[in-house]
């Protein structure tokens, strides 16, 4: 059992998928490296990361069942 990864907005275009299930990664840095290898377009994409609906700004440990969302920049209005 692993983590679930959700892609939003333009990131679904970059990956051609909306979600990945049962991904094995111990932290968000390892997850990003894995995703950048699998989807090279993500290397240059700008995005925010949320773990279990909480925005993060630094490397975060992941555990089985966590949901990680990658979201492009957004603006309010």
PDB file of N, CA and C in Angstrom:
ATOM      1  N   UNK A   1       0.854  -1.179   0.000  1.00  0.00           N
ATOM      2  CA  UNK A   1       0.000   0.000   0.000  1.00  0.00           C
ATOM      3  C   UNK A   1       0.894   1.235   0.000  1.00  0.00           C
ATOM      4  N   UNK A   2       0.521   2.247  -0.749  1.00  0.00           N
ATOM      5  CA  UNK A   2       1.340   3.438  -0.836  1.00  0.00           C
ATOM      6  C   UNK A   2       0.516   4.691  -0.676  1.00  0.00           C
ATOM      7  N   UNK A   3       0.985   5.730  -1.320  1.00  0.00           N
ATOM      8  CA  UNK A   3       0.286   7.007  -1.265  1.00  0.00           C
ATOM      9  C   UNK A   3      -0.471   7.232  -2.571  1.00  0.00           C
ATOM     10  N   UNK A   4      -1.406   8.145  -2.535  1.00  0.00           N
ATOM     11  CA  UNK A   4      -2.163   8.526  -3.726  1.00  0.00           C
ATOM     12  C   UNK A   4      -1.744   9.933  -4.122  1.00  0.00           C
ATOM     13  N   UNK A   5      -1.564  10.136  -5.423  1.00  0.00           N
ATOM     14  CA  UNK A   5      -1.133  11.430  -5.936  1.00  0.00           C
ATOM     15  C   UNK A   5      -2.211  11.950  -6.880  1.00  0.00           C
ATOM     16  N   UNK A   6      -2.625  13.198  -6.671  1.00  0.00           N
ATOM     17  CA  UNK A   6      -3.630  13.838  -7.509  1.00  0.00           C
ATOM     18  C   UNK A   6      -2.985  14.993  -8.258  1.00  0.00           C
ATOM     19  N   UNK A   7      -3.333  15.135  -9.536  1.00  0.00           N
ATOM     20  CA  UNK A   7      -2.838  16.232 -10.361  1.00  0.00           C
ATOM     21  C   UNK A   7      -4.012  17.126 -10.729  1.00  0.00           C
ATOM     22  N   UNK A   8      -3.796  18.439 -10.718  1.00  0.00           N
ATOM     23  CA  UNK A   8      -4.859  19.377 -11.029  1.00  0.00           C
ATOM     24  C   UNK A   8      -4.431  20.328 -12.137  1.00  0.00           C
ATOM     25  N   UNK A   9      -5.422  20.881 -12.830  1.00  0.00           N
ATOM     26  CA  UNK A   9      -5.198  21.906 -13.841  1.00  0.00           C
ATOM     27  C   UNK A   9      -4.247  21.469 -14.933  1.00  0.00           C
ATOM     28  N   UNK A  10      -3.326  22.357 -15.272  1.00  0.00           N
ATOM     29  CA  UNK A  10      -2.393  22.099 -16.362  1.00  0.00           C
ATOM     30  C   UNK A  10      -1.475  20.915 -16.089  1.00  0.00           C
ATOM     31  N   UNK A  11      -1.362  20.501 -14.840  1.00  0.00           N
ATOM     32  CA  UNK A  11      -0.505  19.360 -14.517  1.00  0.00           C
ATOM     33  C   UNK A  11      -1.093  18.054 -15.045  1.00  0.00           C
ATOM     34  N   UNK A  12      -2.404  18.013 -15.209  1.00  0.00           N
ATOM     35  CA  UNK A  12      -2.992  16.809 -15.824  1.00  0.00           C
ATOM     36  C   UNK A  12      -2.608  16.738 -17.298  1.00  0.00           C
ATOM     37  N   UNK A  13      -2.423  17.890 -17.933  1.00  0.00           N
ATOM     38  CA  UNK A  13      -1.947  17.903 -19.321  1.00  0.00           C
ATOM     39  C   UNK A  13      -0.498  17.432 -19.393  1.00  0.00           C
ATOM     40  N   UNK A  14       0.310  17.856 -18.436  1.00  0.00           N
ATOM     41  CA  UNK A  14       1.733  17.500 -18.415  1.00  0.00           C
ATOM     42  C   UNK A  14       1.952  16.015 -18.147  1.00  0.00           C
ATOM     43  N   UNK A  15       1.039  15.406 -17.393  1.00  0.00           N
ATOM     44  CA  UNK A  15       1.206  13.995 -17.030  1.00  0.00           C
ATOM     45  C   UNK A  15       0.282  13.063 -17.810  1.00  0.00           C
ATOM     46  N   UNK A  16      -0.773  13.601 -18.380  1.00  0.00           N
ATOM     47  CA  UNK A  16      -1.801  12.822 -19.094  1.00  0.00           C
ATOM     48  C   UNK A  16      -2.564  11.890 -18.150  1.00  0.00           C
ATOM     49  N   UNK A  17      -2.495  12.158 -16.855  1.00  0.00           N
ATOM     50  CA  UNK A  17      -3.270  11.410 -15.859  1.00  0.00           C
ATOM     51  C   UNK A  17      -3.775  12.384 -14.807  1.00  0.00           C
ATOM     52  N   UNK A  18      -4.867  12.028 -14.147  1.00  0.00           N
ATOM     53  CA  UNK A  18      -5.406  12.864 -13.081  1.00  0.00           C
ATOM     54  C   UNK A  18      -4.986  12.358 -11.703  1.00  0.00           C
ATOM     55  N   UNK A  19      -4.601  11.074 -11.640  1.00  0.00           N
ATOM     56  CA  UNK A  19      -4.248  10.495 -10.337  1.00  0.00           C
ATOM     57  C   UNK A  19      -3.363   9.273 -10.520  1.00  0.00           C
ATOM     58  N   UNK A  20      -2.558   9.022  -9.483  1.00  0.00           N
ATOM     59  CA  UNK A  20      -1.761   7.801  -9.388  1.00  0.00           C
ATOM     60  C   UNK A  20      -2.069   7.178  -8.034  1.00  0.00           C
ATOM     61  N   UNK A  21      -2.183   5.868  -7.992  1.00  0.00           N
ATOM     62  CA  UNK A  21      -2.475   5.172  -6.744  1.00  0.00           C
ATOM     63  C   UNK A  21      -1.325   4.262  -6.350  1.00  0.00           C
ATOM     64  N   UNK A  22      -1.161   4.086  -5.050  1.00  0.00           N
ATOM     65  CA  UNK A  22      -0.169   3.181  -4.486  1.00  0.00           C
ATOM     66  C   UNK A  22       1.257   3.493  -4.929  1.00  0.00           C
ATOM     67  N   UNK A  23       1.615   4.774  -4.880  1.00  0.00           N
ATOM     68  CA  UNK A  23       2.971   5.205  -5.203  1.00  0.00           C
ATOM     69  C   UNK A  23       3.835   5.010  -3.964  1.00  0.00           C
ATOM     70  N   UNK A  24       5.038   4.487  -4.160  1.00  0.00           N
ATOM     71  CA  UNK A  24       5.954   4.261  -3.043  1.00  0.00           C
ATOM     72  C   UNK A  24       6.967   5.402  -2.976  1.00  0.00           C
ATOM     73  N   UNK A  25       6.855   6.230  -1.943  1.00  0.00           N
ATOM     74  CA  UNK A  25       7.805   7.318  -1.710  1.00  0.00           C
ATOM     75  C   UNK A  25       7.798   7.631  -0.217  1.00  0.00           C
ATOM     76  N   UNK A  26       8.979   7.791   0.355  1.00  0.00           N
ATOM     77  CA  UNK A  26       9.079   8.035   1.789  1.00  0.00           C
ATOM     78  C   UNK A  26       8.857   9.477   2.201  1.00  0.00           C
ATOM     79  N   UNK A  27       9.093  10.397   1.261  1.00  0.00           N
ATOM     80  CA  UNK A  27       8.880  11.817   1.565  1.00  0.00           C
ATOM     81  C   UNK A  27       8.593  12.556   0.270  1.00  0.00           C
ATOM     82  N   UNK A  28       8.256  13.828   0.399  1.00  0.00           N
ATOM     83  CA  UNK A  28       7.847  14.587  -0.783  1.00  0.00           C
ATOM     84  C   UNK A  28       9.019  14.832  -1.741  1.00  0.00           C
ATOM     85  N   UNK A  29      10.235  14.918  -1.227  1.00  0.00           N
ATOM     86  CA  UNK A  29      11.389  15.101  -2.114  1.00  0.00           C
ATOM     87  C   UNK A  29      11.576  13.861  -2.996  1.00  0.00           C
ATOM     88  N   UNK A  30      11.470  12.684  -2.398  1.00  0.00           N
ATOM     89  CA  UNK A  30      11.589  11.440  -3.165  1.00  0.00           C
ATOM     90  C   UNK A  30      10.437  11.308  -4.157  1.00  0.00           C
ATOM     91  N   UNK A  31       9.255  11.722  -3.750  1.00  0.00           N
ATOM     92  CA  UNK A  31       8.102  11.676  -4.645  1.00  0.00           C
ATOM     93  C   UNK A  31       8.328  12.589  -5.845  1.00  0.00           C
ATOM     94  N   UNK A  32       8.790  13.799  -5.608  1.00  0.00           N
ATOM     95  CA  UNK A  32       9.037  14.726  -6.715  1.00  0.00           C
ATOM     96  C   UNK A  32      10.068  14.155  -7.681  1.00  0.00           C
ATOM     97  N   UNK A  33      11.134  13.577  -7.171  1.00  0.00           N
ATOM     98  CA  UNK A  33      12.153  12.998  -8.042  1.00  0.00           C
ATOM     99  C   UNK A  33      11.569  11.862  -8.883  1.00  0.00           C
ATOM    100  N   UNK A  34      10.772  11.020  -8.259  1.00  0.00           N
ATOM    101  CA  UNK A  34      10.110   9.927  -8.975  1.00  0.00           C
ATOM    102  C   UNK A  34       9.197  10.467 -10.068  1.00  0.00           C
ATOM    103  N   UNK A  35       8.397  11.468  -9.736  1.00  0.00           N
ATOM    104  CA  UNK A  35       7.468  12.047 -10.707  1.00  0.00           C
ATOM    105  C   UNK A  35       8.203  12.771 -11.827  1.00  0.00           C
ATOM    106  N   UNK A  36       9.309  13.438 -11.517  1.00  0.00           N
ATOM    107  CA  UNK A  36      10.083  14.132 -12.538  1.00  0.00           C
ATOM    108  C   UNK A  36      10.720  13.138 -13.505  1.00  0.00           C
ATOM    109  N   UNK A  37      11.087  11.967 -13.020  1.00  0.00           N
ATOM    110  CA  UNK A  37      11.629  10.934 -13.906  1.00  0.00           C
ATOM    111  C   UNK A  37      10.538  10.369 -14.800  1.00  0.00           C
ATOM    112  N   UNK A  38       9.377  10.134 -14.222  1.00  0.00           N
ATOM    113  CA  UNK A  38       8.271   9.530 -14.970  1.00  0.00           C
ATOM    114  C   UNK A  38       7.601  10.534 -15.914  1.00  0.00           C
ATOM    115  N   UNK A  39       7.534  11.794 -15.498  1.00  0.00           N
ATOM    116  CA  UNK A  39       6.879  12.849 -16.284  1.00  0.00           C
ATOM    117  C   UNK A  39       7.833  14.047 -16.399  1.00  0.00           C
ATOM    118  N   UNK A  40       8.750  14.019 -17.353  1.00  0.00           N
ATOM    119  CA  UNK A  40       9.762  15.089 -17.469  1.00  0.00           C
ATOM    120  C   UNK A  40       9.184  16.501 -17.574  1.00  0.00           C
ATOM    121  N   UNK A  41       7.971  16.652 -18.088  1.00  0.00           N
ATOM    122  CA  UNK A  41       7.363  17.989 -18.204  1.00  0.00           C
ATOM    123  C   UNK A  41       7.150  18.630 -16.834  1.00  0.00           C
ATOM    124  N   UNK A  42       7.096  17.826 -15.787  1.00  0.00           N
ATOM    125  CA  UNK A  42       6.913  18.383 -14.433  1.00  0.00           C
ATOM    126  C   UNK A  42       8.162  19.121 -13.947  1.00  0.00           C
ATOM    127  N   UNK A  43       9.313  18.790 -14.517  1.00  0.00           N
ATOM    128  CA  UNK A  43      10.568  19.439 -14.077  1.00  0.00           C
ATOM    129  C   UNK A  43      10.511  20.956 -14.233  1.00  0.00           C
ATOM    130  N   UNK A  44       9.862  21.414 -15.283  1.00  0.00           N
ATOM    131  CA  UNK A  44       9.809  22.852 -15.539  1.00  0.00           C
ATOM    132  C   UNK A  44       8.479  23.474 -15.132  1.00  0.00           C
ATOM    133  N   UNK A  45       7.545  22.651 -14.709  1.00  0.00           N
ATOM    134  CA  UNK A  45       6.219  23.157 -14.309  1.00  0.00           C
ATOM    135  C   UNK A  45       6.300  23.803 -12.929  1.00  0.00           C
ATOM    136  N   UNK A  46       5.513  24.827 -12.740  1.00  0.00           N
ATOM    137  CA  UNK A  46       5.376  25.457 -11.420  1.00  0.00           C
ATOM    138  C   UNK A  46       4.161  24.839 -10.746  1.00  0.00           C
ATOM    139  N   UNK A  47       4.320  24.409  -9.490  1.00  0.00           N
ATOM    140  CA  UNK A  47       3.196  23.826  -8.771  1.00  0.00           C
ATOM    141  C   UNK A  47       3.413  23.871  -7.266  1.00  0.00           C
ATOM    142  N   UNK A  48       2.310  23.786  -6.576  1.00  0.00           N
ATOM    143  CA  UNK A  48       2.297  23.686  -5.113  1.00  0.00           C
ATOM    144  C   UNK A  48       2.008  22.245  -4.751  1.00  0.00           C
ATOM    145  N   UNK A  49       2.432  21.862  -3.548  1.00  0.00           N
ATOM    146  CA  UNK A  49       2.165  20.513  -3.055  1.00  0.00           C
ATOM    147  C   UNK A  49       1.348  20.605  -1.774  1.00  0.00           C
ATOM    148  N   UNK A  50       0.321  19.775  -1.697  1.00  0.00           N
ATOM    149  CA  UNK A  50      -0.472  19.636  -0.467  1.00  0.00           C
ATOM    150  C   UNK A  50      -0.443  18.165  -0.054  1.00  0.00           C
ATOM    151  N   UNK A  51      -0.295  17.932   1.238  1.00  0.00           N
ATOM    152  CA  UNK A  51      -0.344  16.575   1.789  1.00  0.00           C
ATOM    153  C   UNK A  51      -1.546  16.521   2.712  1.00  0.00           C
ATOM    154  N   UNK A  52      -2.476  15.650   2.394  1.00  0.00           N
ATOM    155  CA  UNK A  52      -3.707  15.514   3.174  1.00  0.00           C
ATOM    156  C   UNK A  52      -4.397  16.875   3.370  1.00  0.00           C
ATOM    157  N   UNK A  53      -4.502  17.614   2.278  1.00  0.00           N
ATOM    158  CA  UNK A  53      -5.194  18.897   2.201  1.00  0.00           C
ATOM    159  C   UNK A  53      -4.495  20.020   2.957  1.00  0.00           C
ATOM    160  N   UNK A  54      -3.229  19.852   3.284  1.00  0.00           N
ATOM    161  CA  UNK A  54      -2.444  20.894   3.949  1.00  0.00           C
ATOM    162  C   UNK A  54      -1.289  21.291   3.035  1.00  0.00           C
ATOM    163  N   UNK A  55      -1.248  22.568   2.645  1.00  0.00           N
ATOM    164  CA  UNK A  55      -0.147  23.048   1.808  1.00  0.00           C
ATOM    165  C   UNK A  55       1.165  22.897   2.578  1.00  0.00           C
ATOM    166  N   UNK A  56       2.206  22.464   1.874  1.00  0.00           N
ATOM    167  CA  UNK A  56       3.515  22.323   2.512  1.00  0.00           C
ATOM    168  C   UNK A  56       4.530  23.172   1.755  1.00  0.00           C
ATOM    169  N   UNK A  57       5.606  23.512   2.439  1.00  0.00           N
ATOM    170  CA  UNK A  57       6.665  24.305   1.821  1.00  0.00           C
ATOM    171  C   UNK A  57       8.021  23.632   1.955  1.00  0.00           C
ATOM    172  N   UNK A  58       8.097  22.565   2.718  1.00  0.00           N
ATOM    173  CA  UNK A  58       9.374  21.876   2.909  1.00  0.00           C
ATOM    174  C   UNK A  58       9.156  20.381   2.786  1.00  0.00           C
ATOM    175  N   UNK A  59      10.254  19.645   2.708  1.00  0.00           N
ATOM    176  CA  UNK A  59      10.173  18.199   2.576  1.00  0.00           C
ATOM    177  C   UNK A  59       9.357  17.625   3.733  1.00  0.00           C
ATOM    178  N   UNK A  60       8.422  16.739   3.410  1.00  0.00           N
ATOM    179  CA  UNK A  60       7.506  16.178   4.395  1.00  0.00           C
ATOM    180  C   UNK A  60       7.494  14.662   4.290  1.00  0.00           C
ATOM    181  N   UNK A  61       7.571  13.986   5.427  1.00  0.00           N
ATOM    182  CA  UNK A  61       7.500  12.528   5.454  1.00  0.00           C
ATOM    183  C   UNK A  61       6.104  12.073   5.044  1.00  0.00           C
ATOM    184  N   UNK A  62       6.061  11.025   4.231  1.00  0.00           N
ATOM    185  CA  UNK A  62       4.791  10.468   3.781  1.00  0.00           C
ATOM    186  C   UNK A  62       4.581   9.094   4.382  1.00  0.00           C
ATOM    187  N   UNK A  63       3.314   8.759   4.612  1.00  0.00           N
ATOM    188  CA  UNK A  63       2.990   7.431   5.137  1.00  0.00           C
ATOM    189  C   UNK A  63       1.877   6.817   4.300  1.00  0.00           C
ATOM    190  N   UNK A  64       1.727   5.533   4.408  1.00  0.00           N
ATOM    191  CA  UNK A  64       0.711   4.810   3.655  1.00  0.00           C
ATOM    192  C   UNK A  64      -0.654   5.457   3.838  1.00  0.00           C
ATOM    193  N   UNK A  65      -1.335   5.650   2.727  1.00  0.00           N
ATOM    194  CA  UNK A  65      -2.668   6.230   2.767  1.00  0.00           C
ATOM    195  C   UNK A  65      -2.716   7.734   2.607  1.00  0.00           C
ATOM    196  N   UNK A  66      -1.548   8.407   2.657  1.00  0.00           N
ATOM    197  CA  UNK A  66      -1.536   9.859   2.466  1.00  0.00           C
ATOM    198  C   UNK A  66      -1.998  10.201   1.055  1.00  0.00           C
ATOM    199  N   UNK A  67      -2.585  11.381   0.924  1.00  0.00           N
ATOM    200  CA  UNK A  67      -2.996  11.908  -0.378  1.00  0.00           C
ATOM    201  C   UNK A  67      -2.171  13.159  -0.644  1.00  0.00           C
ATOM    202  N   UNK A  68      -1.436  13.132  -1.743  1.00  0.00           N
ATOM    203  CA  UNK A  68      -0.607  14.257  -2.137  1.00  0.00           C
ATOM    204  C   UNK A  68      -1.225  14.880  -3.384  1.00  0.00           C
ATOM    205  N   UNK A  69      -1.445  16.178  -3.343  1.00  0.00           N
ATOM    206  CA  UNK A  69      -2.013  16.887  -4.489  1.00  0.00           C
ATOM    207  C   UNK A  69      -0.971  17.843  -5.050  1.00  0.00           C
ATOM    208  N   UNK A  70      -0.801  17.819  -6.365  1.00  0.00           N
ATOM    209  CA  UNK A  70       0.047  18.767  -7.062  1.00  0.00           C
ATOM    210  C   UNK A  70      -0.872  19.720  -7.804  1.00  0.00           C
ATOM    211  N   UNK A  71      -0.720  21.025  -7.500  1.00  0.00           N
ATOM    212  CA  UNK A  71      -1.614  22.028  -8.048  1.00  0.00           C
ATOM    213  C   UNK A  71      -0.828  23.160  -8.669  1.00  0.00           C
ATOM    214  N   UNK A  72      -1.237  23.618  -9.846  1.00  0.00           N
ATOM    215  CA  UNK A  72      -0.556  24.756 -10.457  1.00  0.00           C
ATOM    216  C   UNK A  72      -0.859  26.033  -9.659  1.00  0.00           C
ATOM    217  N   UNK A  73      -0.054  27.063  -9.863  1.00  0.00           N
ATOM    218  CA  UNK A  73      -0.334  28.336  -9.183  1.00  0.00           C
ATOM    219  C   UNK A  73      -1.743  28.823  -9.501  1.00  0.00           C
ATOM    220  N   UNK A  74      -2.355  29.463  -8.536  1.00  0.00           N
ATOM    221  CA  UNK A  74      -3.706  29.987  -8.711  1.00  0.00           C
ATOM    222  C   UNK A  74      -3.772  31.360  -8.082  1.00  0.00           C
ATOM    223  N   UNK A  75      -4.748  32.127  -8.496  1.00  0.00           N
ATOM    224  CA  UNK A  75      -4.929  33.458  -7.912  1.00  0.00           C
ATOM    225  C   UNK A  75      -6.381  33.641  -7.515  1.00  0.00           C
ATOM    226  N   UNK A  76      -6.570  34.400  -6.493  1.00  0.00           N
ATOM    227  CA  UNK A  76      -7.934  34.669  -6.014  1.00  0.00           C
ATOM    228  C   UNK A  76      -8.543  35.831  -6.771  1.00  0.00           C
ATOM    229  N   UNK A  77      -9.779  36.044  -6.492  1.00  0.00           N
ATOM    230  CA  UNK A  77     -10.370  37.169  -7.196  1.00  0.00           C
ATOM    231  C   UNK A  77     -11.761  37.344  -6.846  1.00  0.00           C
TER     232      UNK A  77
END
